[in-house]
Amino acid sequence: MKMKSAHITGFGGPEVFQVGELEVPELVPGQVRVRIEAAGTNYYDKLIRIGAVSQDIPLPHIPGSDIVGTVDAIGENVSTVAIGDRVIVAPGFPVNPDEWDTGPDNYLPSYYPGGTFNHGGYAQYMVIHERWLLKNDLDLEPAEVACLPLVLVTAIHAVKKQGEVGKGKHVLVHAGASGSGSMAIQVAKALGASVMTTVSTPEKADLARRLGADEVVFYNRVNFVDAAREWTGGRGVDTVIDPVGGDTLSKSLDALKWGGILVNFGLVAGLETRIPNLYFFFRSQCQIRGCFMGTLDELKEGLQLVKAGKIRPVLDEAVPLDKVRELHQRIDNHQVSGKLVLLPWE
């Protein structure tokens, strides 16, 4: 059985994508075949494409972590879903079954976003173990649901667990119009926090405000550290959510209150950073915490906030698979507000 897919045939720029036919993988016991209706894209997909995650990935390879569809076929011993069920695929899972049930999903060594070492969502079909499927009972279009999984589970883990955000806290979220930043704003507001965010353009500022940001800072015009200090009466913010990395991380330490928490899960601005003043760092007793996505239970928690109307997807545009190169060029050029989605059947 053949399927249409957007797959990479090498590592490099958007030109390494080819759109054509590949074989649909055969089902093995415990697996389910999903007819994919929409696949969200992430900056992580670019890292797969350029070979930054691994160059040992067999080619051709289909990326894509955010997958929404319908169960099309089931293998032996499948008991949790049935043909015709609307489902959301977990955006990450341990690829080694021996690790299942040995700890929180995203703390296990073989945990990776979907589409890393398995074929992902840039295709008409995929196969996945039933364990990593959730029923889709959201009253949203598939393209909207496909905006959610990876950024939602990451935001719940980063903001609530790692960032310890709650009612009355002051939070600085970087890149507020990005997929990760726009979701972090909404999760922080749902938890009762006040939110300042950084953006680069008036259009992105408008989006951040619509999502609930209390203060918006143009990082290319204003020193965000000074703005955060002023916003908090000189005290500093309780938590910084940083999906950017690089120099942004080191500068953000100065925006924290004493004992504050910085959560990083990105490297768009650079793979390396530095702590500019170790004395201030340990004297202030602030903390730097990493975040790598989240657990299936945290995704369920986030989806409940969506059902309750406290969080909404931020869809920039949905396009056919044939437009994958143009879409990835926009990711490369940082020309995205929210999420870009691929539609395999259009």
Protein backbone atom coordinates (compact mmCIF):
# COMPACT_ATOMS: atom_id res chain seq x y z
CA MET A 1 0.00 0.00 0.00
CA LYS A 2 1.37 3.37 -1.07
CA MET A 3 0.90 6.75 0.55
CA LYS A 4 1.77 10.33 -0.33
CA SER A 5 4.42 11.83 1.93
CA ALA A 6 6.80 14.76 2.30
CA HIS A 7 10.11 13.15 3.17
CA ILE A 8 13.73 14.20 3.39
CA THR A 9 16.27 12.48 1.16
CA GLY A 10 19.31 14.11 2.77
CA PHE A 11 20.18 16.71 5.39
CA GLY A 12 20.17 20.42 4.61
CA GLY A 13 17.82 23.22 3.61
CA PRO A 14 14.16 22.99 2.58
CA GLU A 15 15.26 21.65 -0.80
CA VAL A 16 16.00 18.22 0.74
CA PHE A 17 12.24 17.62 0.93
CA GLN A 18 10.66 15.49 -1.77
CA VAL A 19 6.94 14.91 -2.14
CA GLY A 20 6.08 11.50 -3.52
CA GLU A 21 4.95 8.00 -2.65
CA LEU A 22 6.37 5.69 -0.01
CA GLU A 23 5.16 2.35 1.32
CA VAL A 24 2.83 2.42 4.33
CA PRO A 25 4.61 0.48 7.13
CA GLU A 26 3.13 -2.91 8.00
CA LEU A 27 1.29 -3.31 11.30
CA VAL A 28 2.77 -5.45 14.05
CA PRO A 29 0.91 -6.61 17.20
CA GLY A 30 -0.13 -3.71 19.39
CA GLN A 31 0.12 -1.15 16.60
CA VAL A 32 -2.52 1.01 14.95
CA ARG A 33 -2.59 2.59 11.50
CA VAL A 34 -3.71 6.21 11.55
CA ARG A 35 -5.10 8.06 8.54
CA ILE A 36 -3.53 11.46 9.10
CA GLU A 37 -5.81 14.44 8.62
CA ALA A 38 -3.42 17.20 9.72
CA ALA A 39 0.19 17.45 10.87
CA GLY A 40 1.55 20.42 12.77
CA THR A 41 5.11 21.62 12.25
CA ASN A 42 7.72 22.68 14.79
CA TYR A 43 11.20 24.17 14.89
CA TYR A 44 12.32 20.69 15.92
CA ASP A 45 11.39 19.47 12.42
CA LYS A 46 14.01 21.85 11.05
CA LEU A 47 16.62 20.34 13.38
CA ILE A 48 15.71 16.90 12.02
CA ARG A 49 15.93 18.23 8.46
CA ILE A 50 19.42 19.74 8.84
CA GLY A 51 20.80 16.70 10.66
CA ALA A 52 21.31 18.50 13.96
CA VAL A 53 19.49 15.81 15.99
CA SER A 54 21.09 12.81 14.32
CA GLN A 55 22.55 11.92 10.94
CA ASP A 56 22.03 8.23 11.63
CA ILE A 57 18.33 8.53 10.79
CA PRO A 58 17.62 6.19 7.83
CA LEU A 59 16.62 7.99 4.64
CA PRO A 60 14.16 8.71 3.17
CA HIS A 61 12.61 9.96 6.41
CA ILE A 62 9.23 11.49 7.26
CA PRO A 63 9.36 14.11 10.06
CA GLY A 64 6.46 15.44 12.10
CA SER A 65 5.46 15.21 15.78
CA ASP A 66 1.99 16.81 15.86
CA ILE A 67 -0.44 14.33 14.32
CA VAL A 68 -4.23 14.21 14.24
CA GLY A 69 -6.28 11.61 12.41
CA THR A 70 -8.58 8.61 12.44
CA VAL A 71 -7.83 4.97 13.23
CA ASP A 72 -7.79 3.20 9.87
CA ALA A 73 -6.63 -0.31 10.83
CA ILE A 74 -5.59 -2.17 13.96
CA GLY A 75 -3.07 -4.91 14.56
CA GLU A 76 -3.37 -7.93 16.81
CA ASN A 77 -3.89 -7.44 20.55
CA VAL A 78 -5.12 -3.84 20.24
CA SER A 79 -7.81 -3.11 22.82
CA THR A 80 -7.91 0.63 23.55
CA VAL A 81 -9.04 2.02 20.17
CA ALA A 82 -11.27 0.91 17.32
CA ILE A 83 -11.43 1.62 13.60
CA GLY A 84 -13.01 5.02 13.04
CA ASP A 85 -11.87 6.55 16.35
CA ARG A 86 -10.63 10.14 16.13
CA VAL A 87 -7.20 10.27 17.74
CA ILE A 88 -4.28 12.50 18.69
CA VAL A 89 -0.84 10.92 18.52
CA ALA A 90 1.46 11.58 21.47
CA PRO A 91 4.04 14.12 20.25
CA GLY A 92 6.84 12.21 21.99
CA PHE A 93 7.43 8.78 23.48
CA PRO A 94 10.27 6.40 24.45
CA VAL A 95 11.23 4.44 21.35
CA ASN A 96 12.57 1.58 23.49
CA PRO A 97 9.61 -0.48 24.79
CA ASP A 98 11.80 -1.87 27.59
CA GLU A 99 11.71 1.60 29.18
CA TRP A 100 7.92 1.88 29.22
CA ASP A 101 6.55 2.02 32.77
CA THR A 102 10.01 2.66 34.24
CA GLY A 103 9.56 6.39 34.89
CA PRO A 104 8.00 9.62 33.60
CA ASP A 105 7.97 9.38 29.79
CA ASN A 106 10.08 12.46 29.06
CA TYR A 107 12.80 11.54 31.58
CA LEU A 108 13.58 8.23 29.86
CA PRO A 109 16.75 7.97 27.73
CA SER A 110 14.97 6.85 24.57
CA TYR A 111 12.26 9.54 24.73
CA TYR A 112 12.21 11.63 21.55
CA PRO A 113 9.64 13.74 19.72
CA GLY A 114 7.68 11.75 17.17
CA GLY A 115 9.17 11.79 13.71
CA THR A 116 12.72 11.42 15.02
CA PHE A 117 13.45 7.70 14.79
CA ASN A 118 10.02 6.70 13.50
CA HIS A 119 8.17 7.98 10.44
CA GLY A 120 6.14 11.01 11.53
CA GLY A 121 3.18 13.03 10.37
CA TYR A 122 4.17 14.54 7.02
CA ALA A 123 2.26 11.75 5.25
CA GLN A 124 -1.18 10.31 4.66
CA TYR A 125 -0.68 7.37 7.06
CA MET A 126 1.47 6.31 9.97
CA VAL A 127 1.66 3.35 12.33
CA ILE A 128 2.06 3.75 16.09
CA HIS A 129 1.62 1.62 19.20
CA GLU A 130 -1.85 2.04 20.71
CA ARG A 131 -0.25 3.18 23.99
CA TRP A 132 0.67 6.52 22.38
CA LEU A 133 -2.81 7.48 21.18
CA LEU A 134 -5.36 9.72 22.86
CA LYS A 135 -9.01 9.97 21.87
CA ASN A 136 -9.73 13.28 20.18
CA ASP A 137 -12.94 14.65 21.68
CA LEU A 138 -12.18 18.31 20.98
CA ASP A 139 -14.73 20.33 19.04
CA LEU A 140 -12.07 21.70 16.71
CA GLU A 141 -11.03 21.22 13.10
CA PRO A 142 -8.11 18.78 12.56
CA ALA A 143 -5.78 21.62 11.51
CA GLU A 144 -6.49 23.42 14.78
CA VAL A 145 -5.92 20.30 16.88
CA ALA A 146 -2.63 19.70 15.05
CA CYS A 147 -1.37 23.01 16.45
CA LEU A 148 -1.53 21.68 19.99
CA PRO A 149 0.28 18.50 21.08
CA LEU A 150 4.01 19.30 21.25
CA VAL A 151 3.76 22.93 22.36
CA LEU A 152 0.92 22.16 24.77
CA VAL A 153 2.62 19.30 26.60
CA THR A 154 5.85 21.34 26.72
CA ALA A 155 4.06 24.38 28.12
CA ILE A 156 2.34 22.38 30.86
CA HIS A 157 5.64 20.79 31.90
CA ALA A 158 7.70 23.99 31.58
CA VAL A 159 5.28 26.47 33.12
CA LYS A 160 3.48 24.44 35.76
CA LYS A 161 5.97 21.78 36.89
CA GLN A 162 9.42 23.16 36.15
CA GLY A 163 8.50 26.85 36.45
CA GLU A 164 6.23 26.43 39.49
CA VAL A 165 3.87 29.07 38.10
CA GLY A 166 0.62 29.69 39.92
CA LYS A 167 -1.81 32.36 41.03
CA GLY A 168 -0.18 35.71 41.70
CA LYS A 169 3.15 34.89 40.05
CA HIS A 170 4.84 37.21 37.54
CA VAL A 171 6.16 35.41 34.47
CA LEU A 172 8.33 36.54 31.57
CA VAL A 173 7.71 34.47 28.42
CA HIS A 174 10.11 34.96 25.53
CA ALA A 175 9.02 34.76 21.88
CA GLY A 176 5.38 35.24 22.72
CA ALA A 177 4.13 34.85 19.15
CA SER A 178 5.99 31.60 18.48
CA GLY A 179 4.27 28.23 18.81
CA SER A 180 5.95 27.57 22.16
CA GLY A 181 5.67 31.10 23.48
CA SER A 182 2.02 31.56 22.52
CA MET A 183 1.12 28.38 24.36
CA ALA A 184 3.22 29.25 27.42
CA ILE A 185 1.38 32.57 27.72
CA GLN A 186 -1.97 30.79 27.75
CA VAL A 187 -0.92 28.14 30.27
CA ALA A 188 0.51 30.77 32.62
CA LYS A 189 -2.70 32.82 32.41
CA ALA A 190 -4.80 29.70 32.98
CA LEU A 191 -2.80 29.10 36.17
CA GLY A 192 -3.57 32.62 37.42
CA ALA A 193 -0.26 34.36 36.67
CA SER A 194 0.51 37.78 35.22
CA VAL A 195 2.51 37.58 32.00
CA MET A 196 5.02 39.80 30.23
CA THR A 197 6.25 38.64 26.84
CA THR A 198 8.80 39.63 24.23
CA VAL A 199 8.05 40.01 20.50
CA SER A 200 9.60 41.62 17.42
CA THR A 201 6.72 43.18 15.46
CA PRO A 202 3.42 44.98 16.11
CA GLU A 203 1.52 42.07 14.51
CA LYS A 204 3.11 39.62 16.92
CA ALA A 205 2.40 42.00 19.80
CA ASP A 206 -1.30 42.03 18.86
CA LEU A 207 -1.36 38.23 18.87
CA ALA A 208 0.32 38.06 22.27
CA ARG A 209 -2.18 40.49 23.74
CA ARG A 210 -5.10 38.51 22.30
CA LEU A 211 -3.71 35.43 24.04
CA GLY A 212 -3.73 37.22 27.39
CA ALA A 213 -0.31 38.83 27.80
CA ASP A 214 -0.50 41.67 30.32
CA GLU A 215 2.65 43.44 29.08
CA VAL A 216 4.39 43.20 25.70
CA VAL A 217 8.00 44.23 25.10
CA PHE A 218 9.65 44.76 21.72
CA TYR A 219 12.99 43.11 22.46
CA ASN A 220 14.60 44.79 19.43
CA ARG A 221 13.78 48.24 20.81
CA VAL A 222 13.69 47.89 24.61
CA ASN A 223 15.92 46.19 27.18
CA PHE A 224 13.62 43.43 28.39
CA VAL A 225 15.48 43.15 31.71
CA ASP A 226 14.79 46.81 32.51
CA ALA A 227 11.17 46.39 31.43
CA ALA A 228 10.71 43.31 33.64
CA ARG A 229 12.24 45.08 36.64
CA GLU A 230 10.00 48.09 36.13
CA TRP A 231 6.92 45.89 35.69
CA THR A 232 7.58 44.17 39.02
CA GLY A 233 8.50 47.29 40.98
CA GLY A 234 12.19 46.42 40.91
CA ARG A 235 11.74 42.94 42.40
CA GLY A 236 12.13 40.82 39.26
CA VAL A 237 9.90 38.11 37.84
CA ASP A 238 9.22 34.81 39.57
CA THR A 239 9.77 32.74 36.44
CA VAL A 240 11.27 33.14 32.98
CA ILE A 241 10.09 30.77 30.24
CA ASP A 242 12.83 30.66 27.61
CA PRO A 243 12.32 28.80 24.31
CA VAL A 244 15.12 30.85 22.76
CA GLY A 245 18.47 30.09 24.46
CA GLY A 246 21.77 31.74 23.56
CA ASP A 247 22.40 35.21 24.97
CA THR A 248 18.70 35.54 25.82
CA LEU A 249 19.16 32.96 28.58
CA SER A 250 22.11 34.71 30.20
CA LYS A 251 20.43 38.13 30.05
CA SER A 252 17.23 36.68 31.51
CA LEU A 253 18.98 35.80 34.77
CA ASP A 254 19.04 39.53 35.54
CA ALA A 255 15.25 39.68 35.11
CA LEU A 256 14.63 37.11 37.89
CA LYS A 257 13.82 37.89 41.49
CA TRP A 258 16.06 36.37 44.13
CA GLY A 259 15.16 32.69 44.23
CA GLY A 260 13.48 32.87 40.82
CA ILE A 261 13.39 30.09 38.23
CA LEU A 262 14.47 30.16 34.59
CA VAL A 263 13.15 27.30 32.43
CA ASN A 264 14.86 26.71 29.09
CA PHE A 265 13.75 24.39 26.30
CA GLY A 266 15.10 26.06 23.19
CA LEU A 267 18.23 27.00 21.28
CA VAL A 268 16.99 29.16 18.41
CA ALA A 269 19.38 31.95 19.48
CA GLY A 270 22.32 29.65 20.07
CA LEU A 271 23.46 26.32 21.46
CA GLU A 272 25.76 27.90 24.04
CA THR A 273 25.36 30.57 26.71
CA ARG A 274 27.21 31.83 29.77
CA ILE A 275 26.48 32.90 33.33
CA PRO A 276 27.90 36.44 33.37
CA ASN A 277 28.35 36.74 37.14
CA LEU A 278 28.63 33.61 39.24
CA TYR A 279 28.56 35.58 42.50
CA PHE A 280 25.20 37.14 41.67
CA PHE A 281 23.96 33.75 40.46
CA PHE A 282 24.61 31.87 43.69
CA ARG A 283 23.99 34.88 45.94
CA SER A 284 20.51 35.35 44.48
CA GLN A 285 19.86 31.59 44.64
CA CYS A 286 18.06 31.60 41.32
CA GLN A 287 17.69 28.34 39.41
CA ILE A 288 18.10 27.26 35.80
CA ARG A 289 15.96 24.26 34.90
CA GLY A 290 15.74 22.33 31.67
CA CYS A 291 12.52 21.10 30.11
CA PHE A 292 12.08 18.44 27.44
CA MET A 293 8.45 18.18 26.40
CA GLY A 294 6.27 16.30 28.95
CA THR A 295 4.32 13.19 29.85
CA LEU A 296 1.13 11.79 28.36
CA ASP A 297 -0.69 12.75 31.57
CA GLU A 298 0.50 16.33 31.19
CA LEU A 299 -0.81 16.37 27.63
CA LYS A 300 -4.18 15.14 28.91
CA GLU A 301 -4.15 17.94 31.49
CA GLY A 302 -3.49 20.49 28.77
CA LEU A 303 -6.25 19.13 26.55
CA GLN A 304 -8.69 19.54 29.42
CA LEU A 305 -7.78 23.24 29.53
CA VAL A 306 -8.51 23.40 25.80
CA LYS A 307 -11.91 21.76 26.32
CA ALA A 308 -12.63 24.26 29.12
CA GLY A 309 -11.94 27.16 26.76
CA LYS A 310 -8.91 28.41 28.69
CA ILE A 311 -6.45 27.58 25.91
CA ARG A 312 -6.92 27.79 22.16
CA PRO A 313 -4.77 26.71 19.23
CA VAL A 314 -2.94 29.41 17.31
CA LEU A 315 -3.10 28.44 13.63
CA ASP A 316 -1.06 30.60 11.29
CA GLU A 317 -1.77 28.67 8.08
CA ALA A 318 -2.65 25.16 6.85
CA VAL A 319 -1.24 24.09 3.48
CA PRO A 320 -1.00 20.91 1.33
CA LEU A 321 2.03 18.62 1.54
CA ASP A 322 3.19 20.00 -1.81
CA LYS A 323 3.98 23.31 -0.04
CA VAL A 324 6.37 21.74 2.48
CA ARG A 325 9.46 23.49 1.12
CA GLU A 326 7.82 26.92 1.27
CA LEU A 327 6.57 26.19 4.76
CA HIS A 328 10.04 25.20 5.99
CA GLN A 329 11.52 28.33 4.40
CA ARG A 330 9.16 30.35 6.59
CA ILE A 331 10.36 28.41 9.64
CA ASP A 332 13.97 29.16 8.65
CA ASN A 333 13.15 32.87 8.23
CA HIS A 334 11.21 33.10 11.52
CA GLN A 335 8.10 34.15 9.58
CA VAL A 336 5.62 32.27 11.73
CA SER A 337 3.03 33.47 14.22
CA GLY A 338 1.64 30.43 15.99
CA LYS A 339 1.74 27.15 14.07
CA LEU A 340 1.97 26.04 10.46
CA VAL A 341 0.11 22.84 9.53
CA LEU A 342 0.32 20.37 6.66
CA LEU A 343 -2.81 18.74 5.15
CA PRO A 344 -1.84 15.37 3.59
CA TRP A 345 -5.04 14.84 1.59
CA GLU A 346 -5.25 18.20 -0.16
